[in-house]
């Protein structure tokens, strides 16, 4: 299922991707940009009222380093 989002003043691609997928992983951002022709050309801050389509992406949480507090 493809979801739609109408941008608001001050939205960025990273921000709306984070709101939708809970991640700003570069692979996900690239997929959203590829899925929406002309989105990258809109600039870093998107104009209000643009429709952005979100493809069905299963985001994986990024791995974090394991930290040992005590030996």
C-alpha atoms as a PDB file:
ATOM      1  CA  UNK A   1       0.000   0.000   0.000  1.00  0.00           C
ATOM      2  CA  UNK A   2       1.340   3.431  -0.930  1.00  0.00           C
ATOM      3  CA  UNK A   3       0.785   6.222   1.577  1.00  0.00           C
ATOM      4  CA  UNK A   4       0.553   9.906   0.641  1.00  0.00           C
ATOM      5  CA  UNK A   5       1.785  12.913   2.571  1.00  0.00           C
ATOM      6  CA  UNK A   6       1.161  16.591   1.853  1.00  0.00           C
ATOM      7  CA  UNK A   7       4.186  18.645   2.875  1.00  0.00           C
ATOM      8  CA  UNK A   8       3.969  21.498   5.306  1.00  0.00           C
ATOM      9  CA  UNK A   9       6.161  24.598   5.389  1.00  0.00           C
ATOM     10  CA  UNK A  10       9.664  23.697   6.591  1.00  0.00           C
ATOM     11  CA  UNK A  11       9.443  19.936   5.897  1.00  0.00           C
ATOM     12  CA  UNK A  12      12.569  18.169   4.706  1.00  0.00           C
ATOM     13  CA  UNK A  13      12.796  14.755   3.082  1.00  0.00           C
ATOM     14  CA  UNK A  14      14.738  13.368   6.057  1.00  0.00           C
ATOM     15  CA  UNK A  15      12.082  14.620   8.468  1.00  0.00           C
ATOM     16  CA  UNK A  16       9.089  13.182   6.640  1.00  0.00           C
ATOM     17  CA  UNK A  17      10.933   9.883   6.072  1.00  0.00           C
ATOM     18  CA  UNK A  18      11.666   9.732   9.807  1.00  0.00           C
ATOM     19  CA  UNK A  19       7.990  10.457  10.602  1.00  0.00           C
ATOM     20  CA  UNK A  20       6.825   7.698   8.258  1.00  0.00           C
ATOM     21  CA  UNK A  21       9.434   4.981   8.796  1.00  0.00           C
ATOM     22  CA  UNK A  22      11.046   5.888  12.120  1.00  0.00           C
ATOM     23  CA  UNK A  23      14.463   6.031  10.473  1.00  0.00           C
ATOM     24  CA  UNK A  24      16.528   8.318   8.285  1.00  0.00           C
ATOM     25  CA  UNK A  25      18.663   5.506   6.913  1.00  0.00           C
ATOM     26  CA  UNK A  26      20.178   6.662   3.603  1.00  0.00           C
ATOM     27  CA  UNK A  27      18.815   3.614   1.743  1.00  0.00           C
ATOM     28  CA  UNK A  28      15.265   4.468   2.779  1.00  0.00           C
ATOM     29  CA  UNK A  29      15.679   8.155   1.885  1.00  0.00           C
ATOM     30  CA  UNK A  30      17.071   7.155  -1.525  1.00  0.00           C
ATOM     31  CA  UNK A  31      14.105   4.832  -2.145  1.00  0.00           C
ATOM     32  CA  UNK A  32      11.629   7.609  -1.303  1.00  0.00           C
ATOM     33  CA  UNK A  33      13.498  10.045  -3.579  1.00  0.00           C
ATOM     34  CA  UNK A  34      13.501   7.468  -6.412  1.00  0.00           C
ATOM     35  CA  UNK A  35       9.801   6.769  -5.880  1.00  0.00           C
ATOM     36  CA  UNK A  36       8.918  10.485  -6.240  1.00  0.00           C
ATOM     37  CA  UNK A  37      10.061  12.065  -9.501  1.00  0.00           C
ATOM     38  CA  UNK A  38      11.249  15.628  -8.958  1.00  0.00           C
ATOM     39  CA  UNK A  39      11.396  15.426  -5.173  1.00  0.00           C
ATOM     40  CA  UNK A  40      15.190  15.764  -5.034  1.00  0.00           C
ATOM     41  CA  UNK A  41      15.047  18.825  -7.313  1.00  0.00           C
ATOM     42  CA  UNK A  42      12.655  20.572  -4.898  1.00  0.00           C
ATOM     43  CA  UNK A  43      15.599  21.408  -2.641  1.00  0.00           C
ATOM     44  CA  UNK A  44      16.499  20.664   0.962  1.00  0.00           C
ATOM     45  CA  UNK A  45      13.397  22.381   2.377  1.00  0.00           C
ATOM     46  CA  UNK A  46      10.294  21.238   0.545  1.00  0.00           C
ATOM     47  CA  UNK A  47       7.595  23.687  -0.487  1.00  0.00           C
ATOM     48  CA  UNK A  48       4.269  23.374   1.312  1.00  0.00           C
ATOM     49  CA  UNK A  49       1.577  21.405  -0.489  1.00  0.00           C
ATOM     50  CA  UNK A  50       3.776  18.892  -2.337  1.00  0.00           C
ATOM     51  CA  UNK A  51       2.441  15.356  -2.400  1.00  0.00           C
ATOM     52  CA  UNK A  52       5.023  12.761  -1.394  1.00  0.00           C
ATOM     53  CA  UNK A  53       4.321   9.074  -1.915  1.00  0.00           C
ATOM     54  CA  UNK A  54       5.826   6.526   0.470  1.00  0.00           C
ATOM     55  CA  UNK A  55       6.636   3.087  -0.928  1.00  0.00           C
ATOM     56  CA  UNK A  56       6.135  -0.003   1.212  1.00  0.00           C
ATOM     57  CA  UNK A  57       9.523  -0.370   2.910  1.00  0.00           C
ATOM     58  CA  UNK A  58      10.349  -2.598   5.817  1.00  0.00           C
ATOM     59  CA  UNK A  59      12.924  -0.599   7.760  1.00  0.00           C
ATOM     60  CA  UNK A  60      15.378  -2.489   9.897  1.00  0.00           C
ATOM     61  CA  UNK A  61      16.693  -0.857  13.029  1.00  0.00           C
ATOM     62  CA  UNK A  62      20.310   0.137  12.691  1.00  0.00           C
ATOM     63  CA  UNK A  63      22.788  -1.891  14.660  1.00  0.00           C
ATOM     64  CA  UNK A  64      24.342  -0.243  17.639  1.00  0.00           C
ATOM     65  CA  UNK A  65      27.706  -1.019  19.159  1.00  0.00           C
ATOM     66  CA  UNK A  66      27.639  -3.341  22.133  1.00  0.00           C
ATOM     67  CA  UNK A  67      29.116  -1.654  25.142  1.00  0.00           C
ATOM     68  CA  UNK A  68      30.421  -3.538  28.156  1.00  0.00           C
ATOM     69  CA  UNK A  69      30.218  -1.441  31.263  1.00  0.00           C
ATOM     70  CA  UNK A  70      31.997  -3.998  33.435  1.00  0.00           C
ATOM     71  CA  UNK A  71      34.230  -6.975  32.678  1.00  0.00           C
END
